[in-house]
């Protein structure tokens, strides 16, 4: 707890956090919207043990999500939470926001 209290006064930490947030929300969207988020959305909406096979069967690009199951397991919970928020509250991009925060 002492470490967290010290962070309140560390200006370098806050500058770094602010800079990283700007980079995440300005540089990532194009690449992630084009490739990764389509696969994550498909995995949430069409749950299966092997979403890669199902994703390829519908004719999608095999390089859309070049990561393995561990990466998918790390990204799926927050993305799923954002997906639920988007569906219940009709908001836009909560799923993307939670996905991007994983890179923080």
C-alpha atoms as a PDB file:
ATOM      1  CA  UNK A   1       0.000   0.000   0.000  1.00  0.00           C
ATOM      2  CA  UNK A   2       2.914   2.294   0.695  1.00  0.00           C
ATOM      3  CA  UNK A   3       4.110   1.898  -2.909  1.00  0.00           C
ATOM      4  CA  UNK A   4       0.705   2.928  -4.273  1.00  0.00           C
ATOM      5  CA  UNK A   5       0.641   5.993  -2.031  1.00  0.00           C
ATOM      6  CA  UNK A   6       4.082   6.987  -3.317  1.00  0.00           C
ATOM      7  CA  UNK A   7       2.861   6.797  -6.938  1.00  0.00           C
ATOM      8  CA  UNK A   8       0.464   9.664  -6.270  1.00  0.00           C
ATOM      9  CA  UNK A   9       3.422  12.005  -6.055  1.00  0.00           C
ATOM     10  CA  UNK A  10       5.580  10.584  -8.861  1.00  0.00           C
ATOM     11  CA  UNK A  11       5.148  12.902 -11.822  1.00  0.00           C
ATOM     12  CA  UNK A  12       7.262  10.688 -14.099  1.00  0.00           C
ATOM     13  CA  UNK A  13       4.832   7.818 -13.539  1.00  0.00           C
ATOM     14  CA  UNK A  14       1.837   9.971 -14.504  1.00  0.00           C
ATOM     15  CA  UNK A  15       3.592  11.406 -17.565  1.00  0.00           C
ATOM     16  CA  UNK A  16       4.508   7.871 -18.676  1.00  0.00           C
ATOM     17  CA  UNK A  17       0.978   6.612 -18.089  1.00  0.00           C
ATOM     18  CA  UNK A  18      -0.518   9.526 -20.013  1.00  0.00           C
ATOM     19  CA  UNK A  19       1.925   9.023 -22.907  1.00  0.00           C
ATOM     20  CA  UNK A  20       1.187   5.295 -23.033  1.00  0.00           C
ATOM     21  CA  UNK A  21      -2.585   5.921 -23.050  1.00  0.00           C
ATOM     22  CA  UNK A  22      -2.214   8.349 -25.937  1.00  0.00           C
ATOM     23  CA  UNK A  23      -0.185   5.810 -27.898  1.00  0.00           C
ATOM     24  CA  UNK A  24      -2.618   2.989 -27.169  1.00  0.00           C
ATOM     25  CA  UNK A  25      -5.695   4.915 -28.253  1.00  0.00           C
ATOM     26  CA  UNK A  26      -4.152   6.591 -31.304  1.00  0.00           C
ATOM     27  CA  UNK A  27      -1.879   3.955 -32.851  1.00  0.00           C
ATOM     28  CA  UNK A  28      -3.542   0.647 -32.005  1.00  0.00           C
ATOM     29  CA  UNK A  29      -7.067   1.151 -33.358  1.00  0.00           C
ATOM     30  CA  UNK A  30      -6.275   0.800 -37.061  1.00  0.00           C
ATOM     31  CA  UNK A  31      -4.278  -2.401 -36.806  1.00  0.00           C
ATOM     32  CA  UNK A  32      -6.454  -3.984 -34.170  1.00  0.00           C
ATOM     33  CA  UNK A  33      -9.732  -3.095 -35.864  1.00  0.00           C
ATOM     34  CA  UNK A  34      -8.464  -4.542 -39.120  1.00  0.00           C
ATOM     35  CA  UNK A  35      -7.190  -7.842 -37.739  1.00  0.00           C
ATOM     36  CA  UNK A  36      -7.472  -8.776 -34.094  1.00  0.00           C
ATOM     37  CA  UNK A  37     -10.839  -7.397 -33.023  1.00  0.00           C
ATOM     38  CA  UNK A  38     -12.680  -9.228 -35.796  1.00  0.00           C
ATOM     39  CA  UNK A  39     -11.345 -12.520 -34.497  1.00  0.00           C
ATOM     40  CA  UNK A  40     -12.087 -11.631 -30.858  1.00  0.00           C
ATOM     41  CA  UNK A  41     -15.669 -10.646 -31.786  1.00  0.00           C
ATOM     42  CA  UNK A  42     -16.101 -13.849 -33.743  1.00  0.00           C
ATOM     43  CA  UNK A  43     -14.768 -15.888 -30.809  1.00  0.00           C
ATOM     44  CA  UNK A  44     -17.226 -14.266 -28.418  1.00  0.00           C
ATOM     45  CA  UNK A  45     -20.237 -14.608 -30.705  1.00  0.00           C
ATOM     46  CA  UNK A  46     -19.406 -18.143 -31.932  1.00  0.00           C
ATOM     47  CA  UNK A  47     -17.863 -19.865 -28.941  1.00  0.00           C
ATOM     48  CA  UNK A  48     -15.959 -23.063 -29.654  1.00  0.00           C
ATOM     49  CA  UNK A  49     -12.919 -24.915 -28.374  1.00  0.00           C
ATOM     50  CA  UNK A  50     -11.012 -24.102 -31.566  1.00  0.00           C
ATOM     51  CA  UNK A  51     -12.216 -20.728 -32.895  1.00  0.00           C
ATOM     52  CA  UNK A  52      -9.394 -20.600 -35.476  1.00  0.00           C
ATOM     53  CA  UNK A  53     -10.913 -23.410 -37.565  1.00  0.00           C
ATOM     54  CA  UNK A  54     -14.382 -21.839 -37.487  1.00  0.00           C
ATOM     55  CA  UNK A  55     -12.933 -18.435 -38.358  1.00  0.00           C
ATOM     56  CA  UNK A  56     -11.107 -19.871 -41.376  1.00  0.00           C
ATOM     57  CA  UNK A  57     -14.183 -21.820 -42.511  1.00  0.00           C
ATOM     58  CA  UNK A  58     -16.124 -18.605 -43.037  1.00  0.00           C
ATOM     59  CA  UNK A  59     -13.359 -17.392 -45.346  1.00  0.00           C
ATOM     60  CA  UNK A  60     -11.516 -14.991 -43.070  1.00  0.00           C
ATOM     61  CA  UNK A  61      -7.847 -14.113 -43.341  1.00  0.00           C
ATOM     62  CA  UNK A  62      -5.613 -16.670 -41.571  1.00  0.00           C
ATOM     63  CA  UNK A  63      -3.317 -13.869 -40.366  1.00  0.00           C
ATOM     64  CA  UNK A  64      -6.147 -12.044 -38.592  1.00  0.00           C
ATOM     65  CA  UNK A  65      -5.111 -13.483 -35.263  1.00  0.00           C
ATOM     66  CA  UNK A  66      -1.663 -15.098 -35.383  1.00  0.00           C
ATOM     67  CA  UNK A  67      -1.525 -15.687 -31.626  1.00  0.00           C
ATOM     68  CA  UNK A  68      -2.122 -18.899 -29.740  1.00  0.00           C
ATOM     69  CA  UNK A  69      -4.708 -19.957 -27.170  1.00  0.00           C
ATOM     70  CA  UNK A  70      -2.920 -18.400 -24.180  1.00  0.00           C
ATOM     71  CA  UNK A  71      -3.104 -14.941 -25.732  1.00  0.00           C
ATOM     72  CA  UNK A  72      -6.761 -15.502 -26.566  1.00  0.00           C
ATOM     73  CA  UNK A  73      -7.465 -16.572 -22.980  1.00  0.00           C
ATOM     74  CA  UNK A  74      -5.820 -13.397 -21.714  1.00  0.00           C
ATOM     75  CA  UNK A  75      -7.714 -11.104 -24.085  1.00  0.00           C
ATOM     76  CA  UNK A  76     -11.121 -12.741 -24.006  1.00  0.00           C
ATOM     77  CA  UNK A  77     -12.353 -11.916 -20.453  1.00  0.00           C
ATOM     78  CA  UNK A  78     -12.115  -8.123 -20.678  1.00  0.00           C
ATOM     79  CA  UNK A  79     -13.275  -8.143 -24.284  1.00  0.00           C
ATOM     80  CA  UNK A  80     -16.268 -10.249 -23.275  1.00  0.00           C
ATOM     81  CA  UNK A  81     -17.057  -7.823 -20.450  1.00  0.00           C
ATOM     82  CA  UNK A  82     -16.985  -4.944 -22.969  1.00  0.00           C
ATOM     83  CA  UNK A  83     -19.168  -6.985 -25.321  1.00  0.00           C
ATOM     84  CA  UNK A  84     -21.781  -7.377 -22.565  1.00  0.00           C
ATOM     85  CA  UNK A  85     -21.680  -3.653 -21.811  1.00  0.00           C
ATOM     86  CA  UNK A  86     -22.108  -2.845 -25.514  1.00  0.00           C
ATOM     87  CA  UNK A  87     -25.133  -5.148 -25.809  1.00  0.00           C
ATOM     88  CA  UNK A  88     -26.919  -4.066 -22.627  1.00  0.00           C
ATOM     89  CA  UNK A  89     -26.289  -0.341 -22.741  1.00  0.00           C
ATOM     90  CA  UNK A  90     -26.032   0.090 -26.517  1.00  0.00           C
ATOM     91  CA  UNK A  91     -22.734   1.892 -26.165  1.00  0.00           C
ATOM     92  CA  UNK A  92     -20.176   1.957 -28.875  1.00  0.00           C
ATOM     93  CA  UNK A  93     -16.678   0.573 -28.477  1.00  0.00           C
ATOM     94  CA  UNK A  94     -16.714  -0.528 -24.814  1.00  0.00           C
ATOM     95  CA  UNK A  95     -15.382  -3.836 -26.103  1.00  0.00           C
ATOM     96  CA  UNK A  96     -12.553  -2.035 -27.887  1.00  0.00           C
ATOM     97  CA  UNK A  97     -11.783   0.075 -24.827  1.00  0.00           C
ATOM     98  CA  UNK A  98     -11.404  -2.974 -22.596  1.00  0.00           C
ATOM     99  CA  UNK A  99      -9.348  -4.722 -25.263  1.00  0.00           C
ATOM    100  CA  UNK A 100      -6.958  -1.763 -25.496  1.00  0.00           C
ATOM    101  CA  UNK A 101      -6.552  -1.521 -21.731  1.00  0.00           C
ATOM    102  CA  UNK A 102      -4.943  -4.953 -21.825  1.00  0.00           C
ATOM    103  CA  UNK A 103      -1.942  -3.316 -23.472  1.00  0.00           C
ATOM    104  CA  UNK A 104      -1.575  -0.832 -20.663  1.00  0.00           C
END
